[in-house]
Every structure is written in C-alpha cells, then in structure tokens.
C-alpha cells in the first residue's frame, strides 16, 4: 500500500496520478501493478537503456575473443581457437579461460 501511495504522490510521475484520477487505471488494477508498471516514463526509458547495454555487453563478450594457435581442440585436433579470460571465482583464484574452436565450434574451459 505504501509503495502505491508513494508512486501516486511522486512529482516526477504525474502520468500515473492523472490516469488514476480520470479512471484510466482502475483501483483494482493499481493494487495489482508492479513497481515497473507504475514507474514514470523517464524511469522506464532508463531501465530499457540499461537492459540494452547489458545485453550488448553480454553479446560482445561471446562474440569477441583473442585468436590463437597455441590451444589445440580436443575434438577436431585443429589449432584455430578463440579464447576469453574471465574472473569467475574470487579475486585470489586464477582467471577462467573459455575457449571456442573456430573450426568445429567445440567449447571448453580451464582455470
């Protein structure tokens, strides 16, 4: 209940208050709305931008990598690989190396 009142009183979110007062959003609907649904347009755009940036960062990490011929694929025995190193465990542990064979698509990791 408090979050509903706080969102209705929010000066940065006049659209929600106006829609509720004119009846575009019924009381039953307001009671069931999530924080994301009650957010102002500015906050929604900000969340969308953060989500897109996070998706782009995740995709860049899988697409990019360092090509090497030092690692040998266990499946096709070729030395045409791409690797990424990521700190997946605590800082005092070594980085995990993710390897992708560019010939057969085999993936593996080692520490």
PDB file of N, CA and C in Angstrom:
ATOM      1  N   UNK A   1       0.831  -1.191   0.000  1.00  0.00           N
ATOM      2  CA  UNK A   1       0.000   0.000   0.000  1.00  0.00           C
ATOM      3  C   UNK A   1       0.870   1.247   0.000  1.00  0.00           C
ATOM      4  N   UNK A   2       1.953   1.226   0.786  1.00  0.00           N
ATOM      5  CA  UNK A   2       2.810   2.411   0.867  1.00  0.00           C
ATOM      6  C   UNK A   2       3.457   2.737  -0.472  1.00  0.00           C
ATOM      7  N   UNK A   3       3.862   1.711  -1.202  1.00  0.00           N
ATOM      8  CA  UNK A   3       4.503   1.970  -2.495  1.00  0.00           C
ATOM      9  C   UNK A   3       3.509   2.580  -3.479  1.00  0.00           C
ATOM     10  N   UNK A   4       2.250   2.159  -3.396  1.00  0.00           N
ATOM     11  CA  UNK A   4       1.218   2.736  -4.277  1.00  0.00           C
ATOM     12  C   UNK A   4       1.036   4.218  -3.970  1.00  0.00           C
ATOM     13  N   UNK A   5       0.939   4.544  -2.681  1.00  0.00           N
ATOM     14  CA  UNK A   5       0.764   5.938  -2.266  1.00  0.00           C
ATOM     15  C   UNK A   5       1.980   6.760  -2.661  1.00  0.00           C
ATOM     16  N   UNK A   6       3.164   6.220  -2.436  1.00  0.00           N
ATOM     17  CA  UNK A   6       4.389   6.942  -2.786  1.00  0.00           C
ATOM     18  C   UNK A   6       4.462   7.194  -4.288  1.00  0.00           C
ATOM     19  N   UNK A   7       4.073   6.214  -5.093  1.00  0.00           N
ATOM     20  CA  UNK A   7       4.095   6.397  -6.546  1.00  0.00           C
ATOM     21  C   UNK A   7       3.042   7.397  -6.997  1.00  0.00           C
ATOM     22  N   UNK A   8       1.877   7.407  -6.359  1.00  0.00           N
ATOM     23  CA  UNK A   8       0.836   8.375  -6.720  1.00  0.00           C
ATOM     24  C   UNK A   8       1.231   9.793  -6.327  1.00  0.00           C
ATOM     25  N   UNK A   9       1.993   9.957  -5.254  1.00  0.00           N
ATOM     26  CA  UNK A   9       2.412  11.283  -4.791  1.00  0.00           C
ATOM     27  C   UNK A   9       3.681  11.771  -5.476  1.00  0.00           C
ATOM     28  N   UNK A  10       4.354  10.910  -6.189  1.00  0.00           N
ATOM     29  CA  UNK A  10       5.630  11.258  -6.807  1.00  0.00           C
ATOM     30  C   UNK A  10       5.442  12.372  -7.832  1.00  0.00           C
ATOM     31  N   UNK A  11       6.132  13.492  -7.621  1.00  0.00           N
ATOM     32  CA  UNK A  11       6.024  14.633  -8.533  1.00  0.00           C
ATOM     33  C   UNK A  11       6.645  14.330  -9.897  1.00  0.00           C
ATOM     34  N   UNK A  12       7.555  13.372  -9.945  1.00  0.00           N
ATOM     35  CA  UNK A  12       8.202  13.017 -11.211  1.00  0.00           C
ATOM     36  C   UNK A  12       7.367  12.037 -12.027  1.00  0.00           C
ATOM     37  N   UNK A  13       6.223  11.612 -11.482  1.00  0.00           N
ATOM     38  CA  UNK A  13       5.374  10.647 -12.177  1.00  0.00           C
ATOM     39  C   UNK A  13       3.925  11.147 -12.224  1.00  0.00           C
ATOM     40  N   UNK A  14       3.675  12.286 -12.883  1.00  0.00           N
ATOM     41  CA  UNK A  14       2.305  12.816 -12.920  1.00  0.00           C
ATOM     42  C   UNK A  14       1.365  11.982 -13.788  1.00  0.00           C
ATOM     43  N   UNK A  15       1.900  11.215 -14.717  1.00  0.00           N
ATOM     44  CA  UNK A  15       1.064  10.412 -15.616  1.00  0.00           C
ATOM     45  C   UNK A  15       0.285   9.361 -14.843  1.00  0.00           C
ATOM     46  N   UNK A  16       0.925   8.699 -13.902  1.00  0.00           N
ATOM     47  CA  UNK A  16       0.244   7.673 -13.108  1.00  0.00           C
ATOM     48  C   UNK A  16      -0.900   8.287 -12.310  1.00  0.00           C
ATOM     49  N   UNK A  17      -0.633   9.398 -11.641  1.00  0.00           N
ATOM     50  CA  UNK A  17      -1.657  10.062 -10.835  1.00  0.00           C
ATOM     51  C   UNK A  17      -2.816  10.522 -11.706  1.00  0.00           C
ATOM     52  N   UNK A  18      -2.522  11.131 -12.837  1.00  0.00           N
ATOM     53  CA  UNK A  18      -3.573  11.622 -13.737  1.00  0.00           C
ATOM     54  C   UNK A  18      -4.417  10.475 -14.263  1.00  0.00           C
ATOM     55  N   UNK A  19      -3.775   9.413 -14.710  1.00  0.00           N
ATOM     56  CA  UNK A  19      -4.516   8.257 -15.229  1.00  0.00           C
ATOM     57  C   UNK A  19      -5.387   7.615 -14.157  1.00  0.00           C
ATOM     58  N   UNK A  20      -4.916   7.610 -12.919  1.00  0.00           N
ATOM     59  CA  UNK A  20      -5.720   7.053 -11.830  1.00  0.00           C
ATOM     60  C   UNK A  20      -6.916   7.956 -11.520  1.00  0.00           C
ATOM     61  N   UNK A  21      -6.682   9.270 -11.488  1.00  0.00           N
ATOM     62  CA  UNK A  21      -7.762  10.203 -11.141  1.00  0.00           C
ATOM     63  C   UNK A  21      -8.854  10.267 -12.201  1.00  0.00           C
ATOM     64  N   UNK A  22      -8.491  10.149 -13.474  1.00  0.00           N
ATOM     65  CA  UNK A  22      -9.522  10.210 -14.523  1.00  0.00           C
ATOM     66  C   UNK A  22     -10.167   8.850 -14.766  1.00  0.00           C
ATOM     67  N   UNK A  23      -9.668   7.815 -14.115  1.00  0.00           N
ATOM     68  CA  UNK A  23     -10.277   6.497 -14.222  1.00  0.00           C
ATOM     69  C   UNK A  23      -9.687   5.605 -15.290  1.00  0.00           C
ATOM     70  N   UNK A  24      -8.620   6.038 -15.937  1.00  0.00           N
ATOM     71  CA  UNK A  24      -7.979   5.204 -16.955  1.00  0.00           C
ATOM     72  C   UNK A  24      -7.337   3.968 -16.314  1.00  0.00           C
ATOM     73  N   UNK A  25      -6.907   4.111 -15.061  1.00  0.00           N
ATOM     74  CA  UNK A  25      -6.375   2.982 -14.295  1.00  0.00           C
ATOM     75  C   UNK A  25      -7.322   2.751 -13.120  1.00  0.00           C
ATOM     76  N   UNK A  26      -8.091   1.662 -13.131  1.00  0.00           N
ATOM     77  CA  UNK A  26      -8.998   1.385 -12.010  1.00  0.00           C
ATOM     78  C   UNK A  26      -8.224   1.018 -10.738  1.00  0.00           C
ATOM     79  N   UNK A  27      -8.889   1.141  -9.601  1.00  0.00           N
ATOM     80  CA  UNK A  27      -8.250   0.859  -8.309  1.00  0.00           C
ATOM     81  C   UNK A  27      -7.770  -0.590  -8.227  1.00  0.00           C
ATOM     82  N   UNK A  28      -8.541  -1.526  -8.777  1.00  0.00           N
ATOM     83  CA  UNK A  28      -8.125  -2.932  -8.755  1.00  0.00           C
ATOM     84  C   UNK A  28      -6.828  -3.125  -9.536  1.00  0.00           C
ATOM     85  N   UNK A  29      -6.730  -2.449 -10.652  1.00  0.00           N
ATOM     86  CA  UNK A  29      -5.525  -2.551 -11.479  1.00  0.00           C
ATOM     87  C   UNK A  29      -4.327  -1.942 -10.749  1.00  0.00           C
ATOM     88  N   UNK A  30      -4.534  -0.783 -10.113  1.00  0.00           N
ATOM     89  CA  UNK A  30      -3.460  -0.123  -9.377  1.00  0.00           C
ATOM     90  C   UNK A  30      -2.953  -1.012  -8.242  1.00  0.00           C
ATOM     91  N   UNK A  31      -3.866  -1.713  -7.587  1.00  0.00           N
ATOM     92  CA  UNK A  31      -3.490  -2.586  -6.469  1.00  0.00           C
ATOM     93  C   UNK A  31      -2.614  -3.744  -6.927  1.00  0.00           C
ATOM     94  N   UNK A  32      -2.757  -4.157  -8.169  1.00  0.00           N
ATOM     95  CA  UNK A  32      -2.001  -5.306  -8.689  1.00  0.00           C
ATOM     96  C   UNK A  32      -0.763  -4.908  -9.489  1.00  0.00           C
ATOM     97  N   UNK A  33      -0.547  -3.620  -9.708  1.00  0.00           N
ATOM     98  CA  UNK A  33       0.574  -3.174 -10.536  1.00  0.00           C
ATOM     99  C   UNK A  33       1.911  -3.397  -9.836  1.00  0.00           C
ATOM    100  N   UNK A  34       2.905  -3.741 -10.629  1.00  0.00           N
ATOM    101  CA  UNK A  34       4.262  -3.901 -10.108  1.00  0.00           C
ATOM    102  C   UNK A  34       4.954  -2.543 -10.111  1.00  0.00           C
ATOM    103  N   UNK A  35       6.107  -2.477  -9.480  1.00  0.00           N
ATOM    104  CA  UNK A  35       6.880  -1.233  -9.448  1.00  0.00           C
ATOM    105  C   UNK A  35       7.283  -0.811 -10.858  1.00  0.00           C
ATOM    106  N   UNK A  36       7.580  -1.787 -11.720  1.00  0.00           N
ATOM    107  CA  UNK A  36       7.961  -1.472 -13.100  1.00  0.00           C
ATOM    108  C   UNK A  36       6.797  -0.851 -13.866  1.00  0.00           C
ATOM    109  N   UNK A  37       5.592  -1.334 -13.613  1.00  0.00           N
ATOM    110  CA  UNK A  37       4.419  -0.802 -14.312  1.00  0.00           C
ATOM    111  C   UNK A  37       4.060   0.596 -13.822  1.00  0.00           C
ATOM    112  N   UNK A  38       4.317   0.889 -12.552  1.00  0.00           N
ATOM    113  CA  UNK A  38       3.987   2.205 -12.000  1.00  0.00           C
ATOM    114  C   UNK A  38       5.066   3.242 -12.279  1.00  0.00           C
ATOM    115  N   UNK A  39       6.206   2.844 -12.748  1.00  0.00           N
ATOM    116  CA  UNK A  39       7.328   3.760 -12.942  1.00  0.00           C
ATOM    117  C   UNK A  39       6.999   4.831 -13.972  1.00  0.00           C
ATOM    118  N   UNK A  40       7.657   5.964 -13.818  1.00  0.00           N
ATOM    119  CA  UNK A  40       7.468   7.059 -14.774  1.00  0.00           C
ATOM    120  C   UNK A  40       8.093   6.690 -16.116  1.00  0.00           C
ATOM    121  N   UNK A  41       7.719   7.433 -17.147  1.00  0.00           N
ATOM    122  CA  UNK A  41       8.260   7.169 -18.483  1.00  0.00           C
ATOM    123  C   UNK A  41       9.782   7.315 -18.498  1.00  0.00           C
ATOM    124  N   UNK A  42      10.282   8.282 -17.743  1.00  0.00           N
ATOM    125  CA  UNK A  42      11.728   8.506 -17.673  1.00  0.00           C
ATOM    126  C   UNK A  42      12.442   7.287 -17.085  1.00  0.00           C
ATOM    127  N   UNK A  43      11.883   6.735 -16.018  1.00  0.00           N
ATOM    128  CA  UNK A  43      12.480   5.557 -15.382  1.00  0.00           C
ATOM    129  C   UNK A  43      12.384   4.349 -16.309  1.00  0.00           C
ATOM    130  N   UNK A  44      11.260   4.211 -17.012  1.00  0.00           N
ATOM    131  CA  UNK A  44      11.102   3.094 -17.949  1.00  0.00           C
ATOM    132  C   UNK A  44      12.147   3.167 -19.059  1.00  0.00           C
ATOM    133  N   UNK A  45      12.378   4.375 -19.584  1.00  0.00           N
ATOM    134  CA  UNK A  45      13.382   4.545 -20.635  1.00  0.00           C
ATOM    135  C   UNK A  45      14.781   4.238 -20.099  1.00  0.00           C
ATOM    136  N   UNK A  46      15.041   4.670 -18.868  1.00  0.00           N
ATOM    137  CA  UNK A  46      16.338   4.412 -18.247  1.00  0.00           C
ATOM    138  C   UNK A  46      16.562   2.915 -18.061  1.00  0.00           C
ATOM    139  N   UNK A  47      15.530   2.195 -17.604  1.00  0.00           N
ATOM    140  CA  UNK A  47      15.634   0.740 -17.439  1.00  0.00           C
ATOM    141  C   UNK A  47      15.850   0.052 -18.781  1.00  0.00           C
ATOM    142  N   UNK A  48      15.134   0.506 -19.812  1.00  0.00           N
ATOM    143  CA  UNK A  48      15.309  -0.080 -21.144  1.00  0.00           C
ATOM    144  C   UNK A  48      16.736   0.117 -21.642  1.00  0.00           C
ATOM    145  N   UNK A  49      17.268   1.333 -21.415  1.00  0.00           N
ATOM    146  CA  UNK A  49      18.630   1.621 -21.861  1.00  0.00           C
ATOM    147  C   UNK A  49      19.636   0.724 -21.137  1.00  0.00           C
ATOM    148  N   UNK A  50      19.470   0.572 -19.812  1.00  0.00           N
ATOM    149  CA  UNK A  50      20.368  -0.298 -19.046  1.00  0.00           C
ATOM    150  C   UNK A  50      20.261  -1.738 -19.514  1.00  0.00           C
ATOM    151  N   UNK A  51      19.042  -2.177 -19.815  1.00  0.00           N
ATOM    152  CA  UNK A  51      18.840  -3.551 -20.269  1.00  0.00           C
ATOM    153  C   UNK A  51      19.529  -3.772 -21.614  1.00  0.00           C
ATOM    154  N   UNK A  52      19.380  -2.810 -22.539  1.00  0.00           N
ATOM    155  CA  UNK A  52      20.020  -2.931 -23.849  1.00  0.00           C
ATOM    156  C   UNK A  52      21.540  -2.928 -23.721  1.00  0.00           C
ATOM    157  N   UNK A  53      22.067  -2.060 -22.840  1.00  0.00           N
ATOM    158  CA  UNK A  53      23.513  -2.019 -22.638  1.00  0.00           C
ATOM    159  C   UNK A  53      24.029  -3.336 -22.062  1.00  0.00           C
ATOM    160  N   UNK A  54      23.275  -3.910 -21.127  1.00  0.00           N
ATOM    161  CA  UNK A  54      23.679  -5.184 -20.530  1.00  0.00           C
ATOM    162  C   UNK A  54      23.673  -6.298 -21.570  1.00  0.00           C
ATOM    163  N   UNK A  55      22.666  -6.297 -22.438  1.00  0.00           N
ATOM    164  CA  UNK A  55      22.595  -7.303 -23.499  1.00  0.00           C
ATOM    165  C   UNK A  55      23.760  -7.133 -24.461  1.00  0.00           C
ATOM    166  N   UNK A  56      24.049  -5.884 -24.835  1.00  0.00           N
ATOM    167  CA  UNK A  56      25.176  -5.633 -25.741  1.00  0.00           C
ATOM    168  C   UNK A  56      26.495  -6.069 -25.119  1.00  0.00           C
ATOM    169  N   UNK A  57      26.685  -5.770 -23.831  1.00  0.00           N
ATOM    170  CA  UNK A  57      27.921  -6.180 -23.159  1.00  0.00           C
ATOM    171  C   UNK A  57      28.051  -7.694 -23.127  1.00  0.00           C
ATOM    172  N   UNK A  58      26.952  -8.383 -22.869  1.00  0.00           N
ATOM    173  CA  UNK A  58      26.984  -9.848 -22.822  1.00  0.00           C
ATOM    174  C   UNK A  58      27.270 -10.432 -24.196  1.00  0.00           C
ATOM    175  N   UNK A  59      26.684  -9.838 -25.236  1.00  0.00           N
ATOM    176  CA  UNK A  59      26.911 -10.344 -26.587  1.00  0.00           C
ATOM    177  C   UNK A  59      28.333 -10.068 -27.047  1.00  0.00           C
ATOM    178  N   UNK A  60      28.881  -8.919 -26.682  1.00  0.00           N
ATOM    179  CA  UNK A  60      30.254  -8.615 -27.063  1.00  0.00           C
ATOM    180  C   UNK A  60      31.219  -9.611 -26.438  1.00  0.00           C
ATOM    181  N   UNK A  61      30.946 -10.019 -25.221  1.00  0.00           N
ATOM    182  CA  UNK A  61      31.844 -10.954 -24.548  1.00  0.00           C
ATOM    183  C   UNK A  61      31.861 -12.311 -25.247  1.00  0.00           C
ATOM    184  N   UNK A  62      30.732 -12.718 -25.843  1.00  0.00           N
ATOM    185  CA  UNK A  62      30.715 -14.016 -26.506  1.00  0.00           C
ATOM    186  C   UNK A  62      31.240 -13.936 -27.933  1.00  0.00           C
ATOM    187  N   UNK A  63      31.075 -12.803 -28.589  1.00  0.00           N
ATOM    188  CA  UNK A  63      31.499 -12.667 -29.981  1.00  0.00           C
ATOM    189  C   UNK A  63      32.996 -12.381 -30.060  1.00  0.00           C
ATOM    190  N   UNK A  64      33.468 -11.488 -29.235  1.00  0.00           N
ATOM    191  CA  UNK A  64      34.872 -11.124 -29.280  1.00  0.00           C
ATOM    192  C   UNK A  64      35.712 -12.179 -28.584  1.00  0.00           C
ATOM    193  N   UNK A  65      36.961 -12.097 -28.812  1.00  0.00           N
ATOM    194  CA  UNK A  65      37.897 -13.012 -28.173  1.00  0.00           C
ATOM    195  C   UNK A  65      39.251 -12.842 -28.826  1.00  0.00           C
ATOM    196  N   UNK A  66      40.214 -13.529 -28.297  1.00  0.00           N
ATOM    197  CA  UNK A  66      41.569 -13.454 -28.824  1.00  0.00           C
ATOM    198  C   UNK A  66      41.860 -14.733 -29.595  1.00  0.00           C
ATOM    199  N   UNK A  67      42.194 -14.573 -30.863  1.00  0.00           N
ATOM    200  CA  UNK A  67      42.518 -15.743 -31.683  1.00  0.00           C
ATOM    201  C   UNK A  67      43.914 -16.233 -31.326  1.00  0.00           C
ATOM    202  N   UNK A  68      44.049 -17.548 -31.333  1.00  0.00           N
ATOM    203  CA  UNK A  68      45.342 -18.142 -31.001  1.00  0.00           C
ATOM    204  C   UNK A  68      45.510 -19.475 -31.714  1.00  0.00           C
ATOM    205  N   UNK A  69      46.774 -19.863 -31.897  1.00  0.00           N
ATOM    206  CA  UNK A  69      47.065 -21.201 -32.417  1.00  0.00           C
ATOM    207  C   UNK A  69      47.845 -22.010 -31.375  1.00  0.00           C
ATOM    208  N   UNK A  70      47.868 -21.512 -30.147  1.00  0.00           N
ATOM    209  CA  UNK A  70      48.567 -22.204 -29.068  1.00  0.00           C
ATOM    210  C   UNK A  70      47.717 -23.285 -28.418  1.00  0.00           C
ATOM    211  N   UNK A  71      46.389 -23.182 -28.557  1.00  0.00           N
ATOM    212  CA  UNK A  71      45.487 -24.156 -27.941  1.00  0.00           C
ATOM    213  C   UNK A  71      44.991 -25.131 -28.994  1.00  0.00           C
ATOM    214  N   UNK A  72      44.956 -26.404 -28.638  1.00  0.00           N
ATOM    215  CA  UNK A  72      44.552 -27.452 -29.577  1.00  0.00           C
ATOM    216  C   UNK A  72      43.184 -27.993 -29.178  1.00  0.00           C
ATOM    217  N   UNK A  73      42.267 -28.050 -30.132  1.00  0.00           N
ATOM    218  CA  UNK A  73      40.927 -28.570 -29.891  1.00  0.00           C
ATOM    219  C   UNK A  73      41.002 -30.077 -29.669  1.00  0.00           C
ATOM    220  N   UNK A  74      40.340 -30.559 -28.631  1.00  0.00           N
ATOM    221  CA  UNK A  74      40.335 -31.986 -28.346  1.00  0.00           C
ATOM    222  C   UNK A  74      39.427 -32.766 -29.266  1.00  0.00           C
ATOM    223  N   UNK A  75      38.522 -32.079 -29.957  1.00  0.00           N
ATOM    224  CA  UNK A  75      37.559 -32.762 -30.821  1.00  0.00           C
ATOM    225  C   UNK A  75      38.088 -32.923 -32.249  1.00  0.00           C
ATOM    226  N   UNK A  76      38.511 -31.810 -32.869  1.00  0.00           N
ATOM    227  CA  UNK A  76      38.958 -31.874 -34.268  1.00  0.00           C
ATOM    228  C   UNK A  76      40.480 -31.799 -34.408  1.00  0.00           C
ATOM    229  N   UNK A  77      41.187 -31.598 -33.292  1.00  0.00           N
ATOM    230  CA  UNK A  77      42.656 -31.568 -33.248  1.00  0.00           C
ATOM    231  C   UNK A  77      43.266 -30.398 -34.018  1.00  0.00           C
ATOM    232  N   UNK A  78      42.479 -29.380 -34.338  1.00  0.00           N
ATOM    233  CA  UNK A  78      42.997 -28.198 -35.028  1.00  0.00           C
ATOM    234  C   UNK A  78      43.455 -27.166 -33.997  1.00  0.00           C
ATOM    235  N   UNK A  79      44.251 -26.217 -34.445  1.00  0.00           N
ATOM    236  CA  UNK A  79      44.764 -25.169 -33.560  1.00  0.00           C
ATOM    237  C   UNK A  79      44.221 -23.794 -33.946  1.00  0.00           C
ATOM    238  N   UNK A  80      42.980 -23.733 -34.363  1.00  0.00           N
ATOM    239  CA  UNK A  80      42.336 -22.481 -34.746  1.00  0.00           C
ATOM    240  C   UNK A  80      41.278 -22.161 -33.688  1.00  0.00           C
ATOM    241  N   UNK A  81      41.674 -21.455 -32.629  1.00  0.00           N
ATOM    242  CA  UNK A  81      40.789 -21.222 -31.493  1.00  0.00           C
ATOM    243  C   UNK A  81      40.716 -19.741 -31.140  1.00  0.00           C
ATOM    244  N   UNK A  82      39.674 -19.406 -30.408  1.00  0.00           N
ATOM    245  CA  UNK A  82      39.488 -18.080 -29.842  1.00  0.00           C
ATOM    246  C   UNK A  82      39.248 -18.270 -28.353  1.00  0.00           C
ATOM    247  N   UNK A  83      39.865 -17.405 -27.525  1.00  0.00           N
ATOM    248  CA  UNK A  83      39.664 -17.567 -26.083  1.00  0.00           C
ATOM    249  C   UNK A  83      39.341 -16.237 -25.414  1.00  0.00           C
ATOM    250  N   UNK A  84      38.637 -16.338 -24.278  1.00  0.00           N
ATOM    251  CA  UNK A  84      38.326 -15.208 -23.399  1.00  0.00           C
ATOM    252  C   UNK A  84      38.729 -15.608 -21.997  1.00  0.00           C
ATOM    253  N   UNK A  85      39.235 -14.667 -21.235  1.00  0.00           N
ATOM    254  CA  UNK A  85      39.542 -14.935 -19.837  1.00  0.00           C
ATOM    255  C   UNK A  85      38.629 -14.083 -18.971  1.00  0.00           C
ATOM    256  N   UNK A  86      37.971 -14.744 -18.000  1.00  0.00           N
ATOM    257  CA  UNK A  86      37.007 -14.077 -17.139  1.00  0.00           C
ATOM    258  C   UNK A  86      37.287 -14.466 -15.695  1.00  0.00           C
ATOM    259  N   UNK A  87      37.136 -13.512 -14.796  1.00  0.00           N
ATOM    260  CA  UNK A  87      37.291 -13.782 -13.365  1.00  0.00           C
ATOM    261  C   UNK A  87      35.961 -14.300 -12.843  1.00  0.00           C
ATOM    262  N   UNK A  88      35.782 -15.626 -12.823  1.00  0.00           N
ATOM    263  CA  UNK A  88      34.511 -16.226 -12.421  1.00  0.00           C
ATOM    264  C   UNK A  88      34.470 -16.570 -10.940  1.00  0.00           C
ATOM    265  N   UNK A  89      35.623 -16.664 -10.312  1.00  0.00           N
ATOM    266  CA  UNK A  89      35.679 -17.008  -8.889  1.00  0.00           C
ATOM    267  C   UNK A  89      36.251 -15.832  -8.121  1.00  0.00           C
ATOM    268  N   UNK A  90      36.653 -16.050  -6.894  1.00  0.00           N
ATOM    269  CA  UNK A  90      37.158 -14.957  -6.068  1.00  0.00           C
ATOM    270  C   UNK A  90      38.454 -14.393  -6.653  1.00  0.00           C
ATOM    271  N   UNK A  91      38.812 -13.214  -6.198  1.00  0.00           N
ATOM    272  CA  UNK A  91      39.942 -12.490  -6.778  1.00  0.00           C
ATOM    273  C   UNK A  91      41.279 -13.196  -6.574  1.00  0.00           C
ATOM    274  N   UNK A  92      41.400 -14.008  -5.526  1.00  0.00           N
ATOM    275  CA  UNK A  92      42.675 -14.684  -5.293  1.00  0.00           C
ATOM    276  C   UNK A  92      42.807 -15.985  -6.081  1.00  0.00           C
ATOM    277  N   UNK A  93      41.778 -16.361  -6.818  1.00  0.00           N
ATOM    278  CA  UNK A  93      41.810 -17.547  -7.679  1.00  0.00           C
ATOM    279  C   UNK A  93      42.234 -17.132  -9.091  1.00  0.00           C
ATOM    280  N   UNK A  94      42.789 -18.057  -9.874  1.00  0.00           N
ATOM    281  CA  UNK A  94      43.167 -17.697 -11.251  1.00  0.00           C
ATOM    282  C   UNK A  94      41.935 -17.464 -12.131  1.00  0.00           C
ATOM    283  N   UNK A  95      42.142 -16.746 -13.219  1.00  0.00           N
ATOM    284  CA  UNK A  95      41.044 -16.476 -14.142  1.00  0.00           C
ATOM    285  C   UNK A  95      40.668 -17.748 -14.894  1.00  0.00           C
ATOM    286  N   UNK A  96      39.391 -17.858 -15.255  1.00  0.00           N
ATOM    287  CA  UNK A  96      38.915 -18.992 -16.041  1.00  0.00           C
ATOM    288  C   UNK A  96      39.036 -18.633 -17.509  1.00  0.00           C
ATOM    289  N   UNK A  97      39.571 -19.524 -18.312  1.00  0.00           N
ATOM    290  CA  UNK A  97      39.735 -19.301 -19.742  1.00  0.00           C
ATOM    291  C   UNK A  97      38.677 -20.102 -20.490  1.00  0.00           C
ATOM    292  N   UNK A  98      37.858 -19.402 -21.268  1.00  0.00           N
ATOM    293  CA  UNK A  98      36.841 -20.032 -22.098  1.00  0.00           C
ATOM    294  C   UNK A  98      37.367 -20.069 -23.525  1.00  0.00           C
ATOM    295  N   UNK A  99      37.365 -21.259 -24.130  1.00  0.00           N
ATOM    296  CA  UNK A  99      37.945 -21.449 -25.458  1.00  0.00           C
ATOM    297  C   UNK A  99      36.865 -21.916 -26.421  1.00  0.00           C
ATOM    298  N   UNK A 100      36.911 -21.394 -27.640  1.00  0.00           N
ATOM    299  CA  UNK A 100      35.997 -21.787 -28.711  1.00  0.00           C
ATOM    300  C   UNK A 100      36.831 -22.190 -29.916  1.00  0.00           C
ATOM    301  N   UNK A 101      36.592 -23.389 -30.419  1.00  0.00           N
ATOM    302  CA  UNK A 101      37.265 -23.836 -31.634  1.00  0.00           C
ATOM    303  C   UNK A 101      36.552 -23.191 -32.819  1.00  0.00           C
ATOM    304  N   UNK A 102      37.290 -22.475 -33.655  1.00  0.00           N
ATOM    305  CA  UNK A 102      36.692 -21.798 -34.807  1.00  0.00           C
ATOM    306  C   UNK A 102      36.344 -22.763 -35.934  1.00  0.00           C
ATOM    307  N   UNK A 103      36.885 -23.983 -35.910  1.00  0.00           N
ATOM    308  CA  UNK A 103      36.593 -24.969 -36.955  1.00  0.00           C
ATOM    309  C   UNK A 103      35.322 -25.748 -36.666  1.00  0.00           C
ATOM    310  N   UNK A 104      35.259 -26.389 -35.498  1.00  0.00           N
ATOM    311  CA  UNK A 104      34.130 -27.287 -35.217  1.00  0.00           C
ATOM    312  C   UNK A 104      33.132 -26.710 -34.217  1.00  0.00           C
ATOM    313  N   UNK A 105      33.447 -25.593 -33.573  1.00  0.00           N
ATOM    314  CA  UNK A 105      32.518 -24.984 -32.626  1.00  0.00           C
ATOM    315  C   UNK A 105      32.583 -25.580 -31.231  1.00  0.00           C
ATOM    316  N   UNK A 106      33.517 -26.466 -30.988  1.00  0.00           N
ATOM    317  CA  UNK A 106      33.664 -27.069 -29.664  1.00  0.00           C
ATOM    318  C   UNK A 106      34.045 -25.991 -28.652  1.00  0.00           C
ATOM    319  N   UNK A 107      33.426 -26.056 -27.471  1.00  0.00           N
ATOM    320  CA  UNK A 107      33.726 -25.102 -26.399  1.00  0.00           C
ATOM    321  C   UNK A 107      34.229 -25.858 -25.185  1.00  0.00           C
ATOM    322  N   UNK A 108      35.211 -25.271 -24.499  1.00  0.00           N
ATOM    323  CA  UNK A 108      35.680 -25.827 -23.247  1.00  0.00           C
ATOM    324  C   UNK A 108      36.271 -24.712 -22.413  1.00  0.00           C
ATOM    325  N   UNK A 109      36.528 -25.028 -21.160  1.00  0.00           N
ATOM    326  CA  UNK A 109      37.117 -24.039 -20.261  1.00  0.00           C
ATOM    327  C   UNK A 109      38.173 -24.706 -19.407  1.00  0.00           C
ATOM    328  N   UNK A 110      39.101 -23.889 -18.930  1.00  0.00           N
ATOM    329  CA  UNK A 110      40.092 -24.362 -17.972  1.00  0.00           C
ATOM    330  C   UNK A 110      40.522 -23.194 -17.110  1.00  0.00           C
ATOM    331  N   UNK A 111      41.099 -23.530 -15.959  1.00  0.00           N
ATOM    332  CA  UNK A 111      41.476 -22.492 -14.991  1.00  0.00           C
ATOM    333  C   UNK A 111      42.952 -22.202 -15.030  1.00  0.00           C
TER     334      UNK A 111
END
